[in-house]
């Protein structure tokens, strides 16, 4: 898989060795991060309100899967699923010990860059109402509340958001 480097991240992040790149999700430490994100969601919401993709799905041609590494250690994941002129953010997760250092912001920036490079007009996402950290990140990054999209149905435990990447109207 081609590697994408988002470059070094500012000094508020852990060490100068932090990098974000496209990687194969089928690595043991990446699978562990994905399982941790799923377990976190499962602790907050019933199964019908969780919308995770299986790890193998992240290898599809229309998905850009990114890993944040602090040196050699994988500390975060994120993916953008390309759907024509829009894309969905999936699998945003930062290991608890690496939080509060800008890793999620850097991952989100890499995902937005990849989406723009693919000609995406806007990004969409679904997250849960109890995931306050994610809701804060997305709102601070310019995402606005929206309606269900794609195969999603209204769910009182879900929050749908979108962000315009170009001048295309929603």
C-alpha atoms as a PDB file:
ATOM      1  CA  UNK A   1       0.000   0.000   0.000  1.00  0.00           C
ATOM      2  CA  UNK A   2       1.291   3.479  -0.799  1.00  0.00           C
ATOM      3  CA  UNK A   3       2.436   5.515   2.147  1.00  0.00           C
ATOM      4  CA  UNK A   4       1.208   9.028   2.768  1.00  0.00           C
ATOM      5  CA  UNK A   5       3.204  11.183   5.096  1.00  0.00           C
ATOM      6  CA  UNK A   6       1.508  14.031   6.843  1.00  0.00           C
ATOM      7  CA  UNK A   7       4.895  15.267   7.976  1.00  0.00           C
ATOM      8  CA  UNK A   8       5.985  16.092  11.483  1.00  0.00           C
ATOM      9  CA  UNK A   9       3.441  17.338  13.961  1.00  0.00           C
ATOM     10  CA  UNK A  10       3.897  20.323  16.256  1.00  0.00           C
ATOM     11  CA  UNK A  11       5.681  20.054  19.573  1.00  0.00           C
ATOM     12  CA  UNK A  12       2.452  19.575  21.550  1.00  0.00           C
ATOM     13  CA  UNK A  13       2.421  16.025  20.180  1.00  0.00           C
ATOM     14  CA  UNK A  14       4.584  13.212  21.487  1.00  0.00           C
ATOM     15  CA  UNK A  15       8.140  13.380  20.193  1.00  0.00           C
ATOM     16  CA  UNK A  16       9.550  14.298  16.839  1.00  0.00           C
ATOM     17  CA  UNK A  17       9.026  10.685  15.751  1.00  0.00           C
ATOM     18  CA  UNK A  18       5.272  11.115  15.359  1.00  0.00           C
ATOM     19  CA  UNK A  19       4.090  10.430  11.831  1.00  0.00           C
ATOM     20  CA  UNK A  20       0.818   9.671  10.106  1.00  0.00           C
ATOM     21  CA  UNK A  21       0.830   7.439   7.057  1.00  0.00           C
ATOM     22  CA  UNK A  22      -1.375   5.110   5.055  1.00  0.00           C
ATOM     23  CA  UNK A  23      -0.800   1.567   6.260  1.00  0.00           C
ATOM     24  CA  UNK A  24      -2.251  -1.888   5.920  1.00  0.00           C
ATOM     25  CA  UNK A  25      -4.831  -2.364   8.690  1.00  0.00           C
ATOM     26  CA  UNK A  26      -4.081  -6.089   8.917  1.00  0.00           C
ATOM     27  CA  UNK A  27      -1.175  -5.737  11.329  1.00  0.00           C
ATOM     28  CA  UNK A  28      -1.539  -7.140  14.868  1.00  0.00           C
ATOM     29  CA  UNK A  29      -0.989  -3.817  16.654  1.00  0.00           C
ATOM     30  CA  UNK A  30      -3.424  -2.037  14.300  1.00  0.00           C
ATOM     31  CA  UNK A  31      -6.036  -4.765  14.805  1.00  0.00           C
ATOM     32  CA  UNK A  32      -5.619  -4.253  18.554  1.00  0.00           C
ATOM     33  CA  UNK A  33      -6.266  -0.510  18.185  1.00  0.00           C
ATOM     34  CA  UNK A  34      -9.372  -1.170  16.086  1.00  0.00           C
ATOM     35  CA  UNK A  35     -10.662  -3.669  18.671  1.00  0.00           C
ATOM     36  CA  UNK A  36     -10.062  -1.121  21.441  1.00  0.00           C
ATOM     37  CA  UNK A  37     -12.148   1.454  19.585  1.00  0.00           C
ATOM     38  CA  UNK A  38     -14.914  -1.077  19.069  1.00  0.00           C
ATOM     39  CA  UNK A  39     -14.835  -2.081  22.745  1.00  0.00           C
ATOM     40  CA  UNK A  40     -15.112   1.578  23.758  1.00  0.00           C
ATOM     41  CA  UNK A  41     -18.191   1.983  21.545  1.00  0.00           C
ATOM     42  CA  UNK A  42     -19.694  -1.272  22.821  1.00  0.00           C
ATOM     43  CA  UNK A  43     -19.393   0.020  26.391  1.00  0.00           C
ATOM     44  CA  UNK A  44     -21.370   3.147  25.465  1.00  0.00           C
ATOM     45  CA  UNK A  45     -23.995   1.926  22.993  1.00  0.00           C
ATOM     46  CA  UNK A  46     -26.020  -1.160  22.091  1.00  0.00           C
ATOM     47  CA  UNK A  47     -24.828  -3.218  19.116  1.00  0.00           C
ATOM     48  CA  UNK A  48     -27.447  -1.766  16.744  1.00  0.00           C
ATOM     49  CA  UNK A  49     -26.030   1.725  17.356  1.00  0.00           C
ATOM     50  CA  UNK A  50     -22.440   0.740  16.525  1.00  0.00           C
ATOM     51  CA  UNK A  51     -21.393   0.943  12.882  1.00  0.00           C
ATOM     52  CA  UNK A  52     -17.872  -0.471  12.687  1.00  0.00           C
ATOM     53  CA  UNK A  53     -16.339  -1.923   9.558  1.00  0.00           C
ATOM     54  CA  UNK A  54     -14.476  -5.226   9.727  1.00  0.00           C
ATOM     55  CA  UNK A  55     -10.693  -4.805   9.524  1.00  0.00           C
ATOM     56  CA  UNK A  56     -10.499  -6.403   6.065  1.00  0.00           C
ATOM     57  CA  UNK A  57     -12.941  -3.792   4.712  1.00  0.00           C
ATOM     58  CA  UNK A  58     -10.311  -1.107   5.324  1.00  0.00           C
ATOM     59  CA  UNK A  59      -8.233  -2.651   2.517  1.00  0.00           C
ATOM     60  CA  UNK A  60     -10.856  -1.788  -0.162  1.00  0.00           C
ATOM     61  CA  UNK A  61      -9.771   0.392  -3.081  1.00  0.00           C
ATOM     62  CA  UNK A  62     -12.101   3.226  -2.025  1.00  0.00           C
ATOM     63  CA  UNK A  63     -10.721   3.443   1.525  1.00  0.00           C
ATOM     64  CA  UNK A  64      -7.676   5.351   2.715  1.00  0.00           C
ATOM     65  CA  UNK A  65      -6.621   3.906   6.080  1.00  0.00           C
ATOM     66  CA  UNK A  66      -4.155   5.879   8.193  1.00  0.00           C
ATOM     67  CA  UNK A  67      -2.108   5.067  11.268  1.00  0.00           C
ATOM     68  CA  UNK A  68      -0.526   7.528  13.688  1.00  0.00           C
ATOM     69  CA  UNK A  69       2.771   6.291  15.095  1.00  0.00           C
ATOM     70  CA  UNK A  70       4.895   7.692  17.873  1.00  0.00           C
ATOM     71  CA  UNK A  71       8.232   6.275  16.840  1.00  0.00           C
ATOM     72  CA  UNK A  72       7.487   2.642  16.040  1.00  0.00           C
ATOM     73  CA  UNK A  73       4.363   2.387  18.221  1.00  0.00           C
ATOM     74  CA  UNK A  74       0.923   2.660  16.614  1.00  0.00           C
ATOM     75  CA  UNK A  75      -1.169   5.053  18.711  1.00  0.00           C
ATOM     76  CA  UNK A  76      -4.098   5.986  16.466  1.00  0.00           C
ATOM     77  CA  UNK A  77      -6.155   5.092  13.427  1.00  0.00           C
ATOM     78  CA  UNK A  78      -8.527   6.772  11.013  1.00  0.00           C
ATOM     79  CA  UNK A  79     -10.012   6.096   7.619  1.00  0.00           C
ATOM     80  CA  UNK A  80     -11.804   7.934   4.871  1.00  0.00           C
ATOM     81  CA  UNK A  81     -14.273   5.957   2.761  1.00  0.00           C
ATOM     82  CA  UNK A  82     -14.622   7.521  -0.699  1.00  0.00           C
ATOM     83  CA  UNK A  83     -18.196   7.541  -2.061  1.00  0.00           C
ATOM     84  CA  UNK A  84     -18.191   9.579  -5.274  1.00  0.00           C
ATOM     85  CA  UNK A  85     -18.104  13.272  -4.386  1.00  0.00           C
ATOM     86  CA  UNK A  86     -18.392  12.698  -0.630  1.00  0.00           C
ATOM     87  CA  UNK A  87     -16.531  10.577   1.896  1.00  0.00           C
ATOM     88  CA  UNK A  88     -17.203   9.167   5.335  1.00  0.00           C
ATOM     89  CA  UNK A  89     -14.789   9.247   8.236  1.00  0.00           C
ATOM     90  CA  UNK A  90     -14.451   5.892  10.007  1.00  0.00           C
ATOM     91  CA  UNK A  91     -12.344   4.252  12.711  1.00  0.00           C
ATOM     92  CA  UNK A  92     -11.036   7.436  14.322  1.00  0.00           C
ATOM     93  CA  UNK A  93      -9.326   6.180  17.463  1.00  0.00           C
ATOM     94  CA  UNK A  94      -6.392   7.306  19.566  1.00  0.00           C
ATOM     95  CA  UNK A  95      -5.039   5.090  22.332  1.00  0.00           C
ATOM     96  CA  UNK A  96      -5.945   6.548  25.739  1.00  0.00           C
ATOM     97  CA  UNK A  97      -2.288   7.013  26.784  1.00  0.00           C
ATOM     98  CA  UNK A  98      -1.670   9.186  23.683  1.00  0.00           C
ATOM     99  CA  UNK A  99      -4.640  11.519  24.062  1.00  0.00           C
ATOM    100  CA  UNK A 100      -4.445  15.233  24.732  1.00  0.00           C
ATOM    101  CA  UNK A 101      -1.388  15.737  22.513  1.00  0.00           C
ATOM    102  CA  UNK A 102      -2.994  16.641  19.187  1.00  0.00           C
ATOM    103  CA  UNK A 103      -2.869  13.191  17.609  1.00  0.00           C
ATOM    104  CA  UNK A 104      -6.579  13.152  16.715  1.00  0.00           C
ATOM    105  CA  UNK A 105      -6.313  16.619  15.142  1.00  0.00           C
ATOM    106  CA  UNK A 106      -3.343  15.480  13.085  1.00  0.00           C
ATOM    107  CA  UNK A 107      -5.146  12.293  12.000  1.00  0.00           C
ATOM    108  CA  UNK A 108      -8.197  14.311  11.010  1.00  0.00           C
ATOM    109  CA  UNK A 109      -6.022  16.717   9.016  1.00  0.00           C
ATOM    110  CA  UNK A 110      -4.408  13.784   7.162  1.00  0.00           C
ATOM    111  CA  UNK A 111      -7.838  12.333   6.372  1.00  0.00           C
ATOM    112  CA  UNK A 112      -9.070  15.682   5.063  1.00  0.00           C
ATOM    113  CA  UNK A 113      -5.948  16.035   2.915  1.00  0.00           C
ATOM    114  CA  UNK A 114      -6.480  12.556   1.459  1.00  0.00           C
ATOM    115  CA  UNK A 115     -10.141  13.338   0.766  1.00  0.00           C
ATOM    116  CA  UNK A 116      -9.276  16.607  -0.986  1.00  0.00           C
ATOM    117  CA  UNK A 117      -6.616  14.825  -3.051  1.00  0.00           C
ATOM    118  CA  UNK A 118      -9.323  12.366  -4.165  1.00  0.00           C
ATOM    119  CA  UNK A 119     -11.600  15.230  -5.285  1.00  0.00           C
ATOM    120  CA  UNK A 120     -14.061  14.884  -2.413  1.00  0.00           C
ATOM    121  CA  UNK A 121     -16.504  17.769  -2.002  1.00  0.00           C
ATOM    122  CA  UNK A 122     -17.541  17.046   1.579  1.00  0.00           C
ATOM    123  CA  UNK A 123     -16.927  14.759   4.498  1.00  0.00           C
ATOM    124  CA  UNK A 124     -19.604  13.059   6.568  1.00  0.00           C
ATOM    125  CA  UNK A 125     -19.463  11.112   9.793  1.00  0.00           C
ATOM    126  CA  UNK A 126     -21.540   9.349  12.392  1.00  0.00           C
ATOM    127  CA  UNK A 127     -20.553   9.266  16.044  1.00  0.00           C
ATOM    128  CA  UNK A 128     -22.363   8.675  19.294  1.00  0.00           C
ATOM    129  CA  UNK A 129     -24.018  11.197  21.568  1.00  0.00           C
ATOM    130  CA  UNK A 130     -21.868  10.117  24.536  1.00  0.00           C
ATOM    131  CA  UNK A 131     -18.548  10.501  22.706  1.00  0.00           C
ATOM    132  CA  UNK A 132     -17.932  14.035  23.933  1.00  0.00           C
ATOM    133  CA  UNK A 133     -14.257  14.138  22.944  1.00  0.00           C
ATOM    134  CA  UNK A 134     -15.066  13.217  19.335  1.00  0.00           C
ATOM    135  CA  UNK A 135     -17.978  15.655  19.175  1.00  0.00           C
ATOM    136  CA  UNK A 136     -15.706  18.437  20.437  1.00  0.00           C
ATOM    137  CA  UNK A 137     -12.953  17.583  17.939  1.00  0.00           C
ATOM    138  CA  UNK A 138     -15.331  17.525  14.989  1.00  0.00           C
ATOM    139  CA  UNK A 139     -17.132  20.743  15.962  1.00  0.00           C
ATOM    140  CA  UNK A 140     -13.798  22.549  16.516  1.00  0.00           C
ATOM    141  CA  UNK A 141     -12.663  21.276  13.097  1.00  0.00           C
ATOM    142  CA  UNK A 142     -15.617  22.816  11.260  1.00  0.00           C
ATOM    143  CA  UNK A 143     -18.059  19.902  11.141  1.00  0.00           C
ATOM    144  CA  UNK A 144     -21.736  20.809  11.435  1.00  0.00           C
ATOM    145  CA  UNK A 145     -24.718  18.721  12.559  1.00  0.00           C
ATOM    146  CA  UNK A 146     -26.472  16.952   9.689  1.00  0.00           C
ATOM    147  CA  UNK A 147     -28.940  14.254   8.765  1.00  0.00           C
ATOM    148  CA  UNK A 148     -28.405  10.518   8.382  1.00  0.00           C
ATOM    149  CA  UNK A 149     -26.675   9.598   5.117  1.00  0.00           C
ATOM    150  CA  UNK A 150     -25.877   6.498   3.102  1.00  0.00           C
ATOM    151  CA  UNK A 151     -27.290   3.407   4.806  1.00  0.00           C
ATOM    152  CA  UNK A 152     -27.687   5.101   8.198  1.00  0.00           C
ATOM    153  CA  UNK A 153     -31.128   5.497   9.723  1.00  0.00           C
ATOM    154  CA  UNK A 154     -32.161   7.972  12.400  1.00  0.00           C
ATOM    155  CA  UNK A 155     -30.890   6.808  15.788  1.00  0.00           C
ATOM    156  CA  UNK A 156     -31.333   8.754  19.027  1.00  0.00           C
ATOM    157  CA  UNK A 157     -27.841   7.639  20.046  1.00  0.00           C
ATOM    158  CA  UNK A 158     -26.153   8.892  16.844  1.00  0.00           C
ATOM    159  CA  UNK A 159     -24.924  12.309  15.799  1.00  0.00           C
ATOM    160  CA  UNK A 160     -24.430  12.904  12.072  1.00  0.00           C
ATOM    161  CA  UNK A 161     -22.075  15.664  10.962  1.00  0.00           C
ATOM    162  CA  UNK A 162     -20.655  17.047   7.727  1.00  0.00           C
ATOM    163  CA  UNK A 163     -17.969  19.426   6.523  1.00  0.00           C
ATOM    164  CA  UNK A 164     -17.704  21.069   3.142  1.00  0.00           C
ATOM    165  CA  UNK A 165     -14.281  20.693   1.525  1.00  0.00           C
ATOM    166  CA  UNK A 166     -15.132  22.660  -1.612  1.00  0.00           C
ATOM    167  CA  UNK A 167     -17.712  25.135  -2.855  1.00  0.00           C
ATOM    168  CA  UNK A 168     -20.246  22.359  -3.551  1.00  0.00           C
ATOM    169  CA  UNK A 169     -23.504  22.916  -1.679  1.00  0.00           C
ATOM    170  CA  UNK A 170     -24.837  20.175   0.587  1.00  0.00           C
END
